C-alpha atoms as a PDB file:
ATOM      1  CA  MET A   1     103.076  76.570 135.604  1.00  0.00           C
ATOM      2  CA  PRO A   2     101.637  75.016 132.388  1.00  0.00           C
ATOM      3  CA  VAL A   3      98.984  77.442 132.575  1.00  0.00           C
ATOM      4  CA  PHE A   4     101.118  80.608 132.539  1.00  0.00           C
ATOM      5  CA  VAL A   5     103.217  78.727 129.774  1.00  0.00           C
ATOM      6  CA  SER A   6      99.917  78.573 127.939  1.00  0.00           C
ATOM      7  CA  LEU A   7      98.734  82.336 128.466  1.00  0.00           C
ATOM      8  CA  SER A   8     101.941  83.307 127.242  1.00  0.00           C
ATOM      9  CA  THR A   9     101.846  81.316 124.337  1.00  0.00           C
ATOM     10  CA  PHE A  10      98.086  82.550 123.603  1.00  0.00           C
ATOM     11  CA  GLY A  11      99.002  85.956 124.089  1.00  0.00           C
ATOM     12  CA  GLY A  12     101.988  85.852 121.758  1.00  0.00           C
ATOM     13  CA  LEU A  13     100.079  84.033 119.188  1.00  0.00           C
ATOM     14  CA  ASN A  14      97.232  87.017 119.540  1.00  0.00           C
ATOM     15  CA  GLY A  15      99.624  89.547 119.096  1.00  0.00           C
ATOM     16  CA  ILE A  16     101.329  87.922 115.981  1.00  0.00           C
ATOM     17  CA  MET A  17      97.804  87.317 114.307  1.00  0.00           C
ATOM     18  CA  PHE A  18      97.014  90.949 114.723  1.00  0.00           C
ATOM     19  CA  THR A  19     100.747  91.812 113.208  1.00  0.00           C
ATOM     20  CA  ILE A  20     100.128  89.904 110.112  1.00  0.00           C
ATOM     21  CA  ALA A  21      96.709  91.222 109.670  1.00  0.00           C
ATOM     22  CA  ARG A  22      98.303  94.891 109.876  1.00  0.00           C
ATOM     23  CA  LEU A  23     100.842  93.530 107.374  1.00  0.00           C
ATOM     24  CA  PHE A  24      98.430  92.452 104.655  1.00  0.00           C
ATOM     25  CA  PHE A  25      96.494  95.572 105.096  1.00  0.00           C
ATOM     26  CA  ILE A  26      99.546  97.634 104.300  1.00  0.00           C
ATOM     27  CA  GLY A  27     100.366  95.440 101.684  1.00  0.00           C
ATOM     28  CA  ALA A  28      97.194  95.645 100.109  1.00  0.00           C
ATOM     29  CA  LEU A  29      97.497  99.640 100.259  1.00  0.00           C
ATOM     30  CA  GLU A  30     100.922  99.418  98.490  1.00  0.00           C
ATOM     31  CA  GLY A  31      99.132  97.543  95.965  1.00  0.00           C
ATOM     32  CA  HIS A  32     101.014  94.098  96.543  1.00  0.00           C
ATOM     33  CA  LEU A  33      97.678  92.220  97.700  1.00  0.00           C
ATOM     34  CA  PRO A  34      93.914  92.490  96.598  1.00  0.00           C
ATOM     35  CA  MET A  35      92.310  95.783  97.484  1.00  0.00           C
ATOM     36  CA  ILE A  36      89.870  93.849  99.500  1.00  0.00           C
ATOM     37  CA  PHE A  37      92.768  93.207 101.978  1.00  0.00           C
ATOM     38  CA  GLY A  38      93.171  97.113 102.385  1.00  0.00           C
ATOM     39  CA  MET A  39      89.878  97.874 103.818  1.00  0.00           C
ATOM     40  CA  ILE A  40      88.527  98.384 107.279  1.00  0.00           C
ATOM     41  CA  HIS A  41      85.289  97.610 108.571  1.00  0.00           C
ATOM     42  CA  THR A  42      82.636 100.611 108.695  1.00  0.00           C
ATOM     43  CA  THR A  43      81.722 100.696 112.346  1.00  0.00           C
ATOM     44  CA  LYS A  44      84.466  98.863 113.902  1.00  0.00           C
ATOM     45  CA  LEU A  45      87.550 100.369 112.133  1.00  0.00           C
ATOM     46  CA  THR A  46      89.284  97.096 111.866  1.00  0.00           C
ATOM     47  CA  PRO A  47      90.892  95.434 109.020  1.00  0.00           C
ATOM     48  CA  THR A  48      88.303  92.663 108.766  1.00  0.00           C
ATOM     49  CA  PRO A  49      89.429  90.904 105.593  1.00  0.00           C
ATOM     50  CA  PRO A  50      93.035  90.581 106.537  1.00  0.00           C
ATOM     51  CA  LEU A  51      92.013  89.006 109.557  1.00  0.00           C
ATOM     52  CA  LEU A  52      89.810  86.383 108.202  1.00  0.00           C
ATOM     53  CA  LEU A  53      92.508  85.708 105.969  1.00  0.00           C
ATOM     54  CA  SER A  54      94.984  85.178 108.442  1.00  0.00           C
ATOM     55  CA  CYS A  55      92.507  82.804 110.713  1.00  0.00           C
ATOM     56  CA  ALA A  56      92.116  80.876 107.449  1.00  0.00           C
ATOM     57  CA  VAL A  57      95.645  80.495 106.890  1.00  0.00           C
ATOM     58  CA  ALA A  58      96.253  79.432 110.662  1.00  0.00           C
ATOM     59  CA  LEU A  59      93.261  76.690 110.234  1.00  0.00           C
ATOM     60  CA  LEU A  60      94.804  75.519 106.914  1.00  0.00           C
ATOM     61  CA  MET A  61      98.144  75.107 108.823  1.00  0.00           C
ATOM     62  CA  PHE A  62      96.563  73.309 111.683  1.00  0.00           C
ATOM     63  CA  THR A  63      95.479  70.315 109.276  1.00  0.00           C
ATOM     64  CA  THR A  64      98.785  69.227 108.943  1.00  0.00           C
ATOM     65  CA  SER A  65      99.388  65.871 110.701  1.00  0.00           C
ATOM     66  CA  ASP A  66     102.774  67.055 112.729  1.00  0.00           C
ATOM     67  CA  ILE A  67     102.821  70.765 114.328  1.00  0.00           C
ATOM     68  CA  PHE A  68     106.495  70.225 114.793  1.00  0.00           C
ATOM     69  CA  VAL A  69     107.289  69.680 111.210  1.00  0.00           C
ATOM     70  CA  LEU A  70     105.164  72.714 110.399  1.00  0.00           C
ATOM     71  CA  ILE A  71     107.021  74.478 113.195  1.00  0.00           C
ATOM     72  CA  ASN A  72     110.386  73.749 111.392  1.00  0.00           C
ATOM     73  CA  TYR A  73     109.362  74.894 108.139  1.00  0.00           C
ATOM     74  CA  LEU A  74     108.079  78.025 109.204  1.00  0.00           C
ATOM     75  CA  SER A  75     110.620  79.012 111.964  1.00  0.00           C
ATOM     76  CA  PHE A  76     113.775  79.253 109.757  1.00  0.00           C
ATOM     77  CA  ASN A  77     111.621  81.798 107.568  1.00  0.00           C
ATOM     78  CA  GLN A  78     110.526  83.818 110.469  1.00  0.00           C
ATOM     79  CA  TRP A  79     114.286  84.031 111.799  1.00  0.00           C
ATOM     80  CA  LEU A  80     115.718  84.877 108.208  1.00  0.00           C
ATOM     81  CA  TRP A  81     113.365  87.589 108.068  1.00  0.00           C
ATOM     82  CA  VAL A  82     113.737  89.240 111.202  1.00  0.00           C
ATOM     83  CA  GLY A  83     117.539  88.792 110.993  1.00  0.00           C
ATOM     84  CA  VAL A  84     117.359  90.457 107.356  1.00  0.00           C
ATOM     85  CA  SER A  85     115.073  93.572 108.870  1.00  0.00           C
ATOM     86  CA  ILE A  86     117.754  94.108 111.972  1.00  0.00           C
ATOM     87  CA  LEU A  87     120.542  93.793 109.259  1.00  0.00           C
ATOM     88  CA  GLY A  88     118.780  96.423 107.237  1.00  0.00           C
ATOM     89  CA  MET A  89     118.308  98.677 110.498  1.00  0.00           C
ATOM     90  CA  LEU A  90     122.121  98.467 111.116  1.00  0.00           C
ATOM     91  CA  TRP A  91     122.879  99.077 107.491  1.00  0.00           C
ATOM     92  CA  LEU A  92     120.938 102.374 108.005  1.00  0.00           C
ATOM     93  CA  ARG A  93     122.593 103.290 110.880  1.00  0.00           C
ATOM     94  CA  TYR A  94     126.077 103.105 109.438  1.00  0.00           C
ATOM     95  CA  LYS A  95     124.797 104.502 105.777  1.00  0.00           C
ATOM     96  CA  ARG A  96     122.649 107.276 107.397  1.00  0.00           C
ATOM     97  CA  PRO A  97     123.932 108.139 110.751  1.00  0.00           C
ATOM     98  CA  ASN A  98     122.256 111.376 111.147  1.00  0.00           C
ATOM     99  CA  MET A  99     118.804 110.007 110.111  1.00  0.00           C
ATOM    100  CA  HIS A 100     116.005 110.861 112.537  1.00  0.00           C
ATOM    101  CA  ARG A 101     115.185 108.087 114.684  1.00  0.00           C
ATOM    102  CA  PRO A 102     112.276 107.968 117.156  1.00  0.00           C
ATOM    103  CA  ILE A 103     113.912 105.124 119.287  1.00  0.00           C
ATOM    104  CA  LYS A 104     117.432 104.721 119.096  1.00  0.00           C
ATOM    105  CA  VAL A 105     119.210 101.842 121.251  1.00  0.00           C
ATOM    106  CA  PRO A 106     123.034 101.040 121.626  1.00  0.00           C
ATOM    107  CA  LEU A 107     124.273  99.304 118.702  1.00  0.00           C
ATOM    108  CA  VAL A 108     125.255  95.910 121.137  1.00  0.00           C
ATOM    109  CA  PHE A 109     121.563  94.900 121.417  1.00  0.00           C
ATOM    110  CA  PRO A 110     120.705  94.797 117.482  1.00  0.00           C
ATOM    111  CA  ILE A 111     124.301  93.132 116.933  1.00  0.00           C
ATOM    112  CA  VAL A 112     123.532  90.454 119.828  1.00  0.00           C
ATOM    113  CA  PHE A 113     120.129  90.289 118.537  1.00  0.00           C
ATOM    114  CA  LEU A 114     121.383  89.663 114.979  1.00  0.00           C
ATOM    115  CA  ALA A 115     123.542  86.967 116.304  1.00  0.00           C
ATOM    116  CA  MET A 116     120.967  85.188 117.824  1.00  0.00           C
ATOM    117  CA  CYS A 117     118.685  85.594 114.499  1.00  0.00           C
ATOM    118  CA  THR A 118     121.658  83.927 112.674  1.00  0.00           C
ATOM    119  CA  PHE A 119     122.051  81.271 115.108  1.00  0.00           C
ATOM    120  CA  LEU A 120     118.073  80.412 115.004  1.00  0.00           C
ATOM    121  CA  THR A 121     118.451  80.577 111.188  1.00  0.00           C
ATOM    122  CA  PHE A 122     121.297  78.340 110.491  1.00  0.00           C
ATOM    123  CA  MET A 123     121.057  75.782 113.196  1.00  0.00           C
ATOM    124  CA  PRO A 124     117.920  74.350 111.926  1.00  0.00           C
ATOM    125  CA  LEU A 125     119.944  73.687 108.600  1.00  0.00           C
ATOM    126  CA  TYR A 126     121.958  71.440 110.600  1.00  0.00           C
ATOM    127  CA  ALA A 127     119.404  69.691 112.688  1.00  0.00           C
ATOM    128  CA  SER A 128     116.963  69.200 110.001  1.00  0.00           C
ATOM    129  CA  PRO A 129     117.867  69.932 106.565  1.00  0.00           C
ATOM    130  CA  THR A 130     114.994  68.496 104.945  1.00  0.00           C
ATOM    131  CA  GLU A 131     112.420  70.430 106.800  1.00  0.00           C
ATOM    132  CA  THR A 132     114.484  73.577 106.383  1.00  0.00           C
ATOM    133  CA  GLY A 133     114.662  72.844 102.601  1.00  0.00           C
ATOM    134  CA  MET A 134     110.695  72.645 102.579  1.00  0.00           C
ATOM    135  CA  GLY A 135     110.697  76.129 104.419  1.00  0.00           C
ATOM    136  CA  LEU A 136     112.999  77.620 101.947  1.00  0.00           C
ATOM    137  CA  VAL A 137     111.139  75.926  99.085  1.00  0.00           C
ATOM    138  CA  ILE A 138     107.883  78.023 100.629  1.00  0.00           C
ATOM    139  CA  LEU A 139     109.804  81.187 100.844  1.00  0.00           C
ATOM    140  CA  ILE A 140     110.922  80.979  97.258  1.00  0.00           C
ATOM    141  CA  THR A 141     107.245  80.230  96.030  1.00  0.00           C
ATOM    142  CA  GLY A 142     106.788  84.069  96.768  1.00  0.00           C
ATOM    143  CA  ILE A 143     109.109  84.823  93.795  1.00  0.00           C
ATOM    144  CA  PRO A 144     106.853  83.946  91.216  1.00  0.00           C
ATOM    145  CA  ALA A 145     103.879  84.822  93.076  1.00  0.00           C
ATOM    146  CA  TYR A 146     105.033  88.334  93.045  1.00  0.00           C
ATOM    147  CA  TYR A 147     105.928  88.538  89.326  1.00  0.00           C
ATOM    148  CA  ILE A 148     102.379  87.136  88.741  1.00  0.00           C
ATOM    149  CA  PHE A 149     100.155  88.748  91.216  1.00  0.00           C
ATOM    150  CA  VAL A 150     102.144  92.261  91.646  1.00  0.00           C
ATOM    151  CA  ILE A 151     104.004  92.819  88.461  1.00  0.00           C
ATOM    152  CA  TRP A 152     102.089  91.184  85.734  1.00  0.00           C
ATOM    153  CA  SER A 153      98.424  91.053  86.916  1.00  0.00           C
ATOM    154  CA  PRO A 154      97.632  95.087  87.115  1.00  0.00           C
ATOM    155  CA  LYS A 155      98.181  94.944  83.137  1.00  0.00           C
ATOM    156  CA  ASN A 156      96.282  91.972  82.633  1.00  0.00           C
ATOM    157  CA  LYS A 157      92.533  93.324  82.053  1.00  0.00           C
ATOM    158  CA  VAL A 158      90.566  90.120  83.038  1.00  0.00           C
ATOM    159  CA  ILE A 159      92.508  89.393  86.086  1.00  0.00           C
ATOM    160  CA  ARG A 160      91.648  93.446  87.156  1.00  0.00           C
ATOM    161  CA  LYS A 161      88.402  93.262  86.117  1.00  0.00           C
ATOM    162  CA  LEU A 162      87.865  89.764  88.060  1.00  0.00           C
ATOM    163  CA  SER A 163      89.567  91.497  91.178  1.00  0.00           C
ATOM    164  CA  GLU A 164      87.275  94.548  91.067  1.00  0.00           C
ATOM    165  CA  CYS A 165      84.200  92.126  90.943  1.00  0.00           C
ATOM    166  CA  LEU A 166      85.333  90.330  93.766  1.00  0.00           C
ATOM    167  CA  THR A 167      86.253  93.104  95.650  1.00  0.00           C
ATOM    168  CA  ILE A 168      82.910  94.789  95.291  1.00  0.00           C
ATOM    169  CA  GLU A 169      80.876  91.573  96.529  1.00  0.00           C
ATOM    170  CA  MET A 170      83.413  91.232  99.221  1.00  0.00           C
ATOM    171  CA  GLN A 171      82.603  94.644 100.250  1.00  0.00           C
ATOM    172  CA  LYS A 172      78.820  94.287 100.289  1.00  0.00           C
ATOM    173  CA  TYR A 173      79.476  90.858 102.439  1.00  0.00           C
ATOM    174  CA  LEU A 174      82.005  92.482 104.973  1.00  0.00           C
ATOM    175  CA  GLU A 175      80.804  95.900 105.193  1.00  0.00           C
ATOM    176  CA  VAL A 176      84.224  97.291 104.692  1.00  0.00           C
ATOM    177  CA  ILE A 177      85.643 100.248 103.007  1.00  0.00           C
ATOM    178  CA  LEU A 178      88.629 102.037 102.223  1.00  0.00           C
ATOM    179  CA  PRO A 179      90.566 104.015 104.987  1.00  0.00           C
ATOM    180  CA  GLU A 180      90.014 107.244 102.786  1.00  0.00           C
ATOM    181  CA  GLN A 181      86.273 106.856 102.841  1.00  0.00           C
ATOM    182  CA  GLU A 182      85.993 105.981 106.580  1.00  0.00           C
ATOM    183  CA  GLU A 183      87.143 109.617 107.043  1.00  0.00           C
ATOM    184  CA  LYS A 184      84.293 110.722 104.675  1.00  0.00           C
ATOM    185  CA  LEU A 185      82.134 108.200 106.424  1.00  0.00           C
ATOM    186  CA  LEU A 186      82.394 109.814 109.843  1.00  0.00           C
ATOM    187  CA  GLU A 187      81.993 113.398 108.522  1.00  0.00           C
ATOM    188  CA  VAL A 188      78.537 112.324 106.943  1.00  0.00           C
ATOM    189  CA  GLU A 189      77.190 110.440 110.466  1.00  0.00           C
ATOM    190  CA  SER A 190      78.066 113.634 112.144  1.00  0.00           C
END
């Protein structure tokens, strides 16, 4: 039985790692992260820079002394944002009932799932308020980071020039290009 639990955990983490890398990829294409994270490998067509970033963050997190404290820090944030996403979906179902939806499930499923997310978000506040508070602090650090790196830095010429130089060097090292350039590369090769 422990082997199957380990395999299930490994599969879940594998999926999460690729999901996070794709989120970094899309965030960079939308201008919320440095452009290097919005690039794909020239031959494998995978978002290599965001995969490397998520691996580095995961390795950094493993340096903590107590893995359960780390789980408590981050599980609060994860279930909070999953719940907010489901709440947004329910809001759209209410405000735009005729909107095209490729998949439409009965309302009972998202409502029950939202209730579970709410429980998983607020139960840690009762069980371990200090660790949940640290998770909230980690979450709140995103606000100044957003203003510094998304709102302010595109206007700052020094930061923009440094980012461009770093992007060019990382492109050479990782052999990555923007997705639009990939289509042109395939046309040239054929």
